[in-house]
Full PDB file with SEQRES, HELIX, SHEET, SSBOND, CRYST1, ORIGX, SCALE, CONECT and MASTER records, all heavy atoms in Angstrom:
SEQRES   1 A   32  ALA ASN TYR VAL ASP SER VAL LYS GLY ARG PHE THR ILE          
SEQRES   2 A   32  SER ARG ASP ASN ALA LYS ASN THR VAL TYR LEU GLN MET          
SEQRES   3 A   32  ASN SER LEU LYS PRO GLU                                      
HELIX    1 AA1 ASP A    5  VAL A    7  5                                   3    
HELIX    2 AA2 ASN A   17  LYS A   19  5                                   3    
SHEET    1 AA1 2 PHE A  11  ASP A  16  0                                        
SHEET    2 AA1 2 THR A  21  MET A  26 -1                                        
CRYST1    1.000    1.000    1.000  90.00  90.00  90.00 P 1           1          
ORIGX1      1.000000  0.000000  0.000000        0.00000                         
ORIGX2      0.000000  1.000000  0.000000        0.00000                         
ORIGX3      0.000000  0.000000  1.000000        0.00000                         
SCALE1      1.000000  0.000000  0.000000        0.00000                         
SCALE2      0.000000  1.000000  0.000000        0.00000                         
SCALE3      0.000000  0.000000  1.000000        0.00000                         
ATOM      1  N   ALA A   1      -5.191  67.306  39.005  1.00  0.00           N  
ATOM      2  CA  ALA A   1      -5.199  66.378  40.148  1.00  0.00           C  
ATOM      3  C   ALA A   1      -6.333  66.697  41.096  1.00  0.00           C  
ATOM      4  O   ALA A   1      -6.817  67.842  41.194  1.00  0.00           O  
ATOM      5  CB  ALA A   1      -3.874  66.566  40.888  1.00  0.00           C  
ATOM      6  N   ASN A   2      -6.801  65.652  41.802  1.00  0.00           N  
ATOM      7  CA  ASN A   2      -7.778  65.779  42.863  1.00  0.00           C  
ATOM      8  C   ASN A   2      -7.317  64.898  44.020  1.00  0.00           C  
ATOM      9  O   ASN A   2      -6.647  63.858  43.872  1.00  0.00           O  
ATOM     10  CB  ASN A   2      -9.122  65.308  42.319  1.00  0.00           C  
ATOM     11  CG  ASN A   2      -9.783  66.313  41.448  1.00  0.00           C  
ATOM     12  OD1 ASN A   2     -10.329  67.332  41.876  1.00  0.00           O  
ATOM     13  ND2 ASN A   2      -9.744  66.046  40.111  1.00  0.00           N  
ATOM     14  N   TYR A   3      -7.738  65.325  45.252  1.00  0.00           N  
ATOM     15  CA  TYR A   3      -7.311  64.655  46.481  1.00  0.00           C  
ATOM     16  C   TYR A   3      -8.464  64.487  47.416  1.00  0.00           C  
ATOM     17  O   TYR A   3      -9.442  65.289  47.446  1.00  0.00           O  
ATOM     18  CB  TYR A   3      -6.245  65.474  47.187  1.00  0.00           C  
ATOM     19  CG  TYR A   3      -5.072  65.766  46.349  1.00  0.00           C  
ATOM     20  CD1 TYR A   3      -4.952  66.936  45.547  1.00  0.00           C  
ATOM     21  CD2 TYR A   3      -3.972  64.898  46.286  1.00  0.00           C  
ATOM     22  CE1 TYR A   3      -3.897  67.192  44.743  1.00  0.00           C  
ATOM     23  CE2 TYR A   3      -2.846  65.205  45.518  1.00  0.00           C  
ATOM     24  CZ  TYR A   3      -2.788  66.321  44.736  1.00  0.00           C  
ATOM     25  OH  TYR A   3      -1.708  66.606  43.986  1.00  0.00           O  
ATOM     26  N   VAL A   4      -8.393  63.437  48.230  1.00  0.00           N  
ATOM     27  CA  VAL A   4      -9.329  63.284  49.339  1.00  0.00           C  
ATOM     28  C   VAL A   4      -9.025  64.391  50.392  1.00  0.00           C  
ATOM     29  O   VAL A   4      -7.886  64.815  50.505  1.00  0.00           O  
ATOM     30  CB  VAL A   4      -9.244  61.852  49.956  1.00  0.00           C  
ATOM     31  CG1 VAL A   4      -7.891  61.677  50.643  1.00  0.00           C  
ATOM     32  CG2 VAL A   4     -10.389  61.649  50.863  1.00  0.00           C  
ATOM     33  N   ASP A   5     -10.049  64.885  51.066  1.00  0.00           N  
ATOM     34  CA  ASP A   5      -9.877  65.996  51.960  1.00  0.00           C  
ATOM     35  C   ASP A   5      -8.763  65.813  52.965  1.00  0.00           C  
ATOM     36  O   ASP A   5      -8.048  66.719  53.328  1.00  0.00           O  
ATOM     37  CB  ASP A   5     -11.134  66.364  52.665  1.00  0.00           C  
ATOM     38  CG  ASP A   5     -12.182  67.024  51.725  1.00  0.00           C  
ATOM     39  OD1 ASP A   5     -11.741  67.478  50.610  1.00  0.00           O  
ATOM     40  OD2 ASP A   5     -13.363  67.069  52.128  1.00  0.00           O  
ATOM     41  N   SER A   6      -8.625  64.591  53.461  1.00  0.00           N  
ATOM     42  CA  SER A   6      -7.685  64.330  54.555  1.00  0.00           C  
ATOM     43  C   SER A   6      -6.215  64.477  54.176  1.00  0.00           C  
ATOM     44  O   SER A   6      -5.408  64.586  55.073  1.00  0.00           O  
ATOM     45  CB  SER A   6      -7.941  62.919  55.085  1.00  0.00           C  
ATOM     46  OG  SER A   6      -7.702  61.961  54.119  1.00  0.00           O  
ATOM     47  N   VAL A   7      -5.910  64.517  52.869  1.00  0.00           N  
ATOM     48  CA  VAL A   7      -4.519  64.659  52.452  1.00  0.00           C  
ATOM     49  C   VAL A   7      -4.223  65.951  51.705  1.00  0.00           C  
ATOM     50  O   VAL A   7      -3.080  66.218  51.373  1.00  0.00           O  
ATOM     51  CB  VAL A   7      -4.047  63.469  51.600  1.00  0.00           C  
ATOM     52  CG1 VAL A   7      -4.338  62.146  52.289  1.00  0.00           C  
ATOM     53  CG2 VAL A   7      -4.675  63.579  50.185  1.00  0.00           C  
ATOM     54  N   LYS A   8      -5.242  66.798  51.501  1.00  0.00           N  
ATOM     55  CA  LYS A   8      -5.071  68.038  50.778  1.00  0.00           C  
ATOM     56  C   LYS A   8      -4.049  68.926  51.544  1.00  0.00           C  
ATOM     57  O   LYS A   8      -4.066  69.093  52.731  1.00  0.00           O  
ATOM     58  CB  LYS A   8      -6.340  68.823  50.660  1.00  0.00           C  
ATOM     59  CG  LYS A   8      -7.281  68.197  49.619  1.00  0.00           C  
ATOM     60  CD  LYS A   8      -8.588  68.987  49.511  1.00  0.00           C  
ATOM     61  CE  LYS A   8      -9.521  68.374  48.440  1.00  0.00           C  
ATOM     62  NZ  LYS A   8     -10.799  69.093  48.366  1.00  0.00           N  
ATOM     63  N   GLY A   9      -3.106  69.478  50.740  1.00  0.00           N  
ATOM     64  CA  GLY A   9      -2.024  70.304  51.308  1.00  0.00           C  
ATOM     65  C   GLY A   9      -0.834  69.527  51.790  1.00  0.00           C  
ATOM     66  O   GLY A   9       0.180  70.174  52.111  1.00  0.00           O  
ATOM     67  N   ARG A  10      -0.960  68.224  51.883  1.00  0.00           N  
ATOM     68  CA  ARG A  10       0.155  67.426  52.318  1.00  0.00           C  
ATOM     69  C   ARG A  10       0.681  66.422  51.281  1.00  0.00           C  
ATOM     70  O   ARG A  10       1.872  66.179  51.172  1.00  0.00           O  
ATOM     71  CB  ARG A  10      -0.252  66.534  53.583  1.00  0.00           C  
ATOM     72  CG  ARG A  10      -0.691  67.385  54.757  1.00  0.00           C  
ATOM     73  CD  ARG A  10      -0.932  66.532  55.991  1.00  0.00           C  
ATOM     74  NE  ARG A  10      -1.957  65.522  55.787  1.00  0.00           N  
ATOM     75  CZ  ARG A  10      -1.777  64.211  55.871  1.00  0.00           C  
ATOM     76  NH1 ARG A  10      -0.596  63.722  56.089  1.00  0.00           N  
ATOM     77  NH2 ARG A  10      -2.823  63.385  55.648  1.00  0.00           N  
ATOM     78  N   PHE A  11      -0.199  65.919  50.437  1.00  0.00           N  
ATOM     79  CA  PHE A  11       0.198  64.975  49.360  1.00  0.00           C  
ATOM     80  C   PHE A  11       0.144  65.592  48.008  1.00  0.00           C  
ATOM     81  O   PHE A  11      -0.752  66.503  47.757  1.00  0.00           O  
ATOM     82  CB  PHE A  11      -0.729  63.772  49.319  1.00  0.00           C  
ATOM     83  CG  PHE A  11      -0.623  62.817  50.498  1.00  0.00           C  
ATOM     84  CD1 PHE A  11       0.147  63.157  51.673  1.00  0.00           C  
ATOM     85  CD2 PHE A  11      -1.257  61.602  50.474  1.00  0.00           C  
ATOM     86  CE1 PHE A  11       0.175  62.286  52.725  1.00  0.00           C  
ATOM     87  CE2 PHE A  11      -1.186  60.731  51.534  1.00  0.00           C  
ATOM     88  CZ  PHE A  11      -0.458  61.089  52.665  1.00  0.00           C  
ATOM     89  N   THR A  12       1.005  65.195  47.100  1.00  0.00           N  
ATOM     90  CA  THR A  12       0.942  65.713  45.694  1.00  0.00           C  
ATOM     91  C   THR A  12       1.149  64.559  44.737  1.00  0.00           C  
ATOM     92  O   THR A  12       2.120  63.779  44.870  1.00  0.00           O  
ATOM     93  CB  THR A  12       2.128  66.706  45.452  1.00  0.00           C  
ATOM     94  OG1 THR A  12       2.006  67.835  46.375  1.00  0.00           O  
ATOM     95  CG2 THR A  12       2.039  67.239  44.042  1.00  0.00           C  
ATOM     96  N   ILE A  13       0.219  64.384  43.814  1.00  0.00           N  
ATOM     97  CA  ILE A  13       0.331  63.384  42.830  1.00  0.00           C  
ATOM     98  C   ILE A  13       0.869  64.058  41.522  1.00  0.00           C  
ATOM     99  O   ILE A  13       0.547  65.157  41.255  1.00  0.00           O  
ATOM    100  CB  ILE A  13      -1.020  62.658  42.524  1.00  0.00           C  
ATOM    101  CG1 ILE A  13      -0.888  61.486  41.581  1.00  0.00           C  
ATOM    102  CG2 ILE A  13      -2.028  63.656  42.011  1.00  0.00           C  
ATOM    103  CD1 ILE A  13      -2.124  60.603  41.399  1.00  0.00           C  
ATOM    104  N   SER A  14       1.766  63.353  40.837  1.00  0.00           N  
ATOM    105  CA  SER A  14       2.362  63.836  39.619  1.00  0.00           C  
ATOM    106  C   SER A  14       2.693  62.720  38.714  1.00  0.00           C  
ATOM    107  O   SER A  14       2.560  61.537  39.086  1.00  0.00           O  
ATOM    108  CB  SER A  14       3.627  64.665  39.953  1.00  0.00           C  
ATOM    109  OG  SER A  14       4.627  63.825  40.534  1.00  0.00           O  
ATOM    110  N   ARG A  15       3.012  63.044  37.457  1.00  0.00           N  
ATOM    111  CA  ARG A  15       3.318  62.033  36.480  1.00  0.00           C  
ATOM    112  C   ARG A  15       4.425  62.434  35.553  1.00  0.00           C  
ATOM    113  O   ARG A  15       4.626  63.606  35.316  1.00  0.00           O  
ATOM    114  CB  ARG A  15       2.037  61.692  35.629  1.00  0.00           C  
ATOM    115  CG  ARG A  15       1.506  62.887  34.858  1.00  0.00           C  
ATOM    116  CD  ARG A  15       0.082  62.549  34.329  1.00  0.00           C  
ATOM    117  NE  ARG A  15       0.131  61.470  33.313  1.00  0.00           N  
ATOM    118  CZ  ARG A  15      -0.866  60.599  33.184  1.00  0.00           C  
ATOM    119  NH1 ARG A  15      -1.950  60.637  33.980  1.00  0.00           N  
ATOM    120  NH2 ARG A  15      -0.753  59.683  32.220  1.00  0.00           N  
ATOM    121  N   ASP A  16       5.160  61.441  35.079  1.00  0.00           N  
ATOM    122  CA  ASP A  16       6.200  61.651  34.069  1.00  0.00           C  
ATOM    123  C   ASP A  16       5.857  60.680  32.942  1.00  0.00           C  
ATOM    124  O   ASP A  16       6.146  59.487  32.984  1.00  0.00           O  
ATOM    125  CB  ASP A  16       7.588  61.313  34.670  1.00  0.00           C  
ATOM    126  CG  ASP A  16       8.687  61.635  33.724  1.00  0.00           C  
ATOM    127  OD1 ASP A  16       8.487  61.665  32.469  1.00  0.00           O  
ATOM    128  OD2 ASP A  16       9.849  61.789  34.168  1.00  0.00           O  
ATOM    129  N   ASN A  17       5.184  61.230  31.907  1.00  0.00           N  
ATOM    130  CA  ASN A  17       4.734  60.373  30.869  1.00  0.00           C  
ATOM    131  C   ASN A  17       5.886  59.709  30.049  1.00  0.00           C  
ATOM    132  O   ASN A  17       5.690  58.658  29.523  1.00  0.00           O  
ATOM    133  CB  ASN A  17       3.847  61.236  29.865  1.00  0.00           C  
ATOM    134  CG  ASN A  17       2.537  61.574  30.536  1.00  0.00           C  
ATOM    135  OD1 ASN A  17       2.039  60.911  31.444  1.00  0.00           O  
ATOM    136  ND2 ASN A  17       1.968  62.671  30.042  1.00  0.00           N  
ATOM    137  N   ALA A  18       7.005  60.399  30.005  1.00  0.00           N  
ATOM    138  CA  ALA A  18       8.150  59.824  29.272  1.00  0.00           C  
ATOM    139  C   ALA A  18       8.694  58.594  29.948  1.00  0.00           C  
ATOM    140  O   ALA A  18       9.285  57.702  29.322  1.00  0.00           O  
ATOM    141  CB  ALA A  18       9.315  60.868  29.129  1.00  0.00           C  
ATOM    142  N   LYS A  19       8.473  58.506  31.257  1.00  0.00           N  
ATOM    143  CA  LYS A  19       8.934  57.273  32.022  1.00  0.00           C  
ATOM    144  C   LYS A  19       7.790  56.375  32.364  1.00  0.00           C  
ATOM    145  O   LYS A  19       8.017  55.395  33.032  1.00  0.00           O  
ATOM    146  CB  LYS A  19       9.611  57.770  33.319  1.00  0.00           C  
ATOM    147  CG  LYS A  19      10.862  58.567  33.071  1.00  0.00           C  
ATOM    148  CD  LYS A  19      11.581  58.947  34.437  1.00  0.00           C  
ATOM    149  CE  LYS A  19      12.795  59.694  34.190  1.00  0.00           C  
ATOM    150  NZ  LYS A  19      13.447  60.137  35.524  1.00  0.00           N  
ATOM    151  N   ASN A  20       6.596  56.681  31.908  1.00  0.00           N  
ATOM    152  CA  ASN A  20       5.391  55.893  32.226  1.00  0.00           C  
ATOM    153  C   ASN A  20       5.264  55.687  33.748  1.00  0.00           C  
ATOM    154  O   ASN A  20       5.054  54.550  34.225  1.00  0.00           O  
ATOM    155  CB  ASN A  20       5.437  54.563  31.508  1.00  0.00           C  
ATOM    156  CG  ASN A  20       5.048  54.724  30.048  1.00  0.00           C  
ATOM    157  OD1 ASN A  20       4.391  55.705  29.633  1.00  0.00           O  
ATOM    158  ND2 ASN A  20       5.359  53.726  29.211  1.00  0.00           N  
ATOM    159  N   THR A  21       5.466  56.722  34.481  1.00  0.00           N  
ATOM    160  CA  THR A  21       5.525  56.713  35.952  1.00  0.00           C  
ATOM    161  C   THR A  21       4.581  57.734  36.601  1.00  0.00           C  
ATOM    162  O   THR A  21       4.542  58.843  36.096  1.00  0.00           O  
ATOM    163  CB  THR A  21       6.951  56.894  36.429  1.00  0.00           C  
ATOM    164  OG1 THR A  21       7.789  55.864  35.937  1.00  0.00           O  
ATOM    165  CG2 THR A  21       7.019  56.838  37.945  1.00  0.00           C  
ATOM    166  N   VAL A  22       3.967  57.354  37.647  1.00  0.00           N  
ATOM    167  CA  VAL A  22       3.161  58.260  38.500  1.00  0.00           C  
ATOM    168  C   VAL A  22       3.757  58.221  39.893  1.00  0.00           C  
ATOM    169  O   VAL A  22       4.253  57.197  40.371  1.00  0.00           O  
ATOM    170  CB  VAL A  22       1.685  57.909  38.466  1.00  0.00           C  
ATOM    171  CG1 VAL A  22       1.442  56.507  39.104  1.00  0.00           C  
ATOM    172  CG2 VAL A  22       0.891  58.969  39.191  1.00  0.00           C  
ATOM    173  N   TYR A  23       3.769  59.395  40.573  1.00  0.00           N  
ATOM    174  CA  TYR A  23       4.379  59.529  41.875  1.00  0.00           C  
ATOM    175  C   TYR A  23       3.322  60.010  42.873  1.00  0.00           C  
ATOM    176  O   TYR A  23       2.352  60.673  42.537  1.00  0.00           O  
ATOM    177  CB  TYR A  23       5.497  60.573  41.854  1.00  0.00           C  
ATOM    178  CG  TYR A  23       6.584  60.232  40.869  1.00  0.00           C  
ATOM    179  CD1 TYR A  23       6.580  60.846  39.609  1.00  0.00           C  
ATOM    180  CD2 TYR A  23       7.651  59.391  41.200  1.00  0.00           C  
ATOM    181  CE1 TYR A  23       7.594  60.600  38.693  1.00  0.00           C  
ATOM    182  CE2 TYR A  23       8.634  59.126  40.285  1.00  0.00           C  
ATOM    183  CZ  TYR A  23       8.673  59.685  39.026  1.00  0.00           C  
ATOM    184  OH  TYR A  23       9.629  59.452  38.114  1.00  0.00           O  
ATOM    185  N   LEU A  24       3.542  59.763  44.140  1.00  0.00           N  
ATOM    186  CA  LEU A  24       2.799  60.322  45.200  1.00  0.00           C  
ATOM    187  C   LEU A  24       3.779  60.839  46.294  1.00  0.00           C  
ATOM    188  O   LEU A  24       4.392  60.066  46.980  1.00  0.00           O  
ATOM    189  CB  LEU A  24       1.860  59.336  45.856  1.00  0.00           C  
ATOM    190  CG  LEU A  24       0.916  59.920  46.929  1.00  0.00           C  
ATOM    191  CD1 LEU A  24      -0.046  60.871  46.298  1.00  0.00           C  
ATOM    192  CD2 LEU A  24       0.136  58.824  47.614  1.00  0.00           C  
ATOM    193  N   GLN A  25       3.953  62.141  46.310  1.00  0.00           N  
ATOM    194  CA  GLN A  25       4.781  62.802  47.314  1.00  0.00           C  
ATOM    195  C   GLN A  25       3.989  62.993  48.545  1.00  0.00           C  
ATOM    196  O   GLN A  25       2.933  63.686  48.509  1.00  0.00           O  
ATOM    197  CB  GLN A  25       5.389  64.109  46.819  1.00  0.00           C  
ATOM    198  CG  GLN A  25       6.196  64.874  47.815  1.00  0.00           C  
ATOM    199  CD  GLN A  25       7.526  64.111  48.118  1.00  0.00           C  
ATOM    200  OE1 GLN A  25       8.194  63.704  47.217  1.00  0.00           O  
ATOM    201  NE2 GLN A  25       7.842  63.964  49.411  1.00  0.00           N  
ATOM    202  N   MET A  26       4.371  62.450  49.692  1.00  0.00           N  
ATOM    203  CA  MET A  26       3.604  62.492  50.942  1.00  0.00           C  
ATOM    204  C   MET A  26       4.508  63.249  51.986  1.00  0.00           C  
ATOM    205  O   MET A  26       5.514  62.750  52.384  1.00  0.00           O  
ATOM    206  CB  MET A  26       3.294  61.110  51.437  1.00  0.00           C  
ATOM    207  CG  MET A  26       2.533  60.291  50.428  1.00  0.00           C  
ATOM    208  SD  MET A  26       1.989  58.647  51.035  1.00  0.00           S  
ATOM    209  CE  MET A  26       3.655  57.882  51.249  1.00  0.00           C  
ATOM    210  N   ASN A  27       4.030  64.395  52.415  1.00  0.00           N  
ATOM    211  CA  ASN A  27       4.701  65.186  53.421  1.00  0.00           C  
ATOM    212  C   ASN A  27       3.805  65.300  54.680  1.00  0.00           C  
ATOM    213  O   ASN A  27       2.594  65.048  54.632  1.00  0.00           O  
ATOM    214  CB  ASN A  27       4.911  66.631  52.894  1.00  0.00           C  
ATOM    215  CG  ASN A  27       5.847  66.644  51.636  1.00  0.00           C  
ATOM    216  OD1 ASN A  27       6.771  65.808  51.516  1.00  0.00           O  
ATOM    217  ND2 ASN A  27       5.619  67.575  50.745  1.00  0.00           N  
ATOM    218  N   SER A  28       4.414  65.733  55.762  1.00  0.00           N  
ATOM    219  CA  SER A  28       3.764  65.920  57.038  1.00  0.00           C  
ATOM    220  C   SER A  28       2.877  64.680  57.387  1.00  0.00           C  
ATOM    221  O   SER A  28       1.704  64.764  57.757  1.00  0.00           O  
ATOM    222  CB  SER A  28       2.870  67.163  56.984  1.00  0.00           C  
ATOM    223  OG  SER A  28       3.643  68.301  56.714  1.00  0.00           O  
ATOM    224  N   LEU A  29       3.489  63.518  57.249  1.00  0.00           N  
ATOM    225  CA  LEU A  29       2.801  62.271  57.427  1.00  0.00           C  
ATOM    226  C   LEU A  29       2.257  62.123  58.885  1.00  0.00           C  
ATOM    227  O   LEU A  29       2.933  62.522  59.851  1.00  0.00           O  
ATOM    228  CB  LEU A  29       3.643  61.081  57.035  1.00  0.00           C  
ATOM    229  CG  LEU A  29       3.798  60.911  55.536  1.00  0.00           C  
ATOM    230  CD1 LEU A  29       4.997  60.008  55.222  1.00  0.00           C  
ATOM    231  CD2 LEU A  29       2.470  60.230  54.992  1.00  0.00           C  
ATOM    232  N   LYS A  30       1.070  61.541  58.978  1.00  0.00           N  
ATOM    233  CA  LYS A  30       0.427  61.258  60.284  1.00  0.00           C  
ATOM    234  C   LYS A  30       0.175  59.803  60.475  1.00  0.00           C  
ATOM    235  O   LYS A  30       0.148  59.031  59.473  1.00  0.00           O  
ATOM    236  CB  LYS A  30      -0.932  62.029  60.264  1.00  0.00           C  
ATOM    237  CG  LYS A  30      -0.905  63.491  60.038  1.00  0.00           C  
ATOM    238  CD  LYS A  30      -2.268  64.076  59.908  1.00  0.00           C  
ATOM    239  CE  LYS A  30      -2.217  65.594  59.665  1.00  0.00           C  
ATOM    240  NZ  LYS A  30      -3.646  66.089  59.530  1.00  0.00           N  
ATOM    241  N   PRO A  31       0.136  59.356  61.724  1.00  0.00           N  
ATOM    242  CA  PRO A  31      -0.171  57.947  61.950  1.00  0.00           C  
ATOM    243  C   PRO A  31      -1.390  57.377  61.169  1.00  0.00           C  
ATOM    244  O   PRO A  31      -1.351  56.273  60.713  1.00  0.00           O  
ATOM    245  CB  PRO A  31      -0.371  57.827  63.472  1.00  0.00           C  
ATOM    246  CG  PRO A  31       0.501  58.981  63.974  1.00  0.00           C  
ATOM    247  CD  PRO A  31       0.334  60.074  62.961  1.00  0.00           C  
ATOM    248  N   GLU A  32      -2.393  58.225  61.021  1.00  0.00           N  
ATOM    249  CA  GLU A  32      -3.576  57.773  60.312  1.00  0.00           C  
ATOM    250  C   GLU A  32      -3.396  57.600  58.811  1.00  0.00           C  
ATOM    251  O   GLU A  32      -4.254  57.097  58.136  1.00  0.00           O  
ATOM    252  CB  GLU A  32      -4.774  58.752  60.587  1.00  0.00           C  
ATOM    253  CG  GLU A  32      -4.379  60.229  60.316  1.00  0.00           C  
ATOM    254  CD  GLU A  32      -4.097  60.952  61.607  1.00  0.00           C  
ATOM    255  OE1 GLU A  32      -3.320  60.377  62.465  1.00  0.00           O  
ATOM    256  OE2 GLU A  32      -4.607  62.062  61.836  1.00  0.00           O  
TER     257      GLU A  32                                                      
MASTER        0    0    0    2    2    0    0    6  256    1    0    3          
END                                                                             
């Protein structure tokens, strides 16, 4: 995985190939 600097440490991308699904977990969300 790779991230834009502004979300590093807060967002996590993951995948479940068996479900053909990708996720984006977003924590510590900011108005921006």
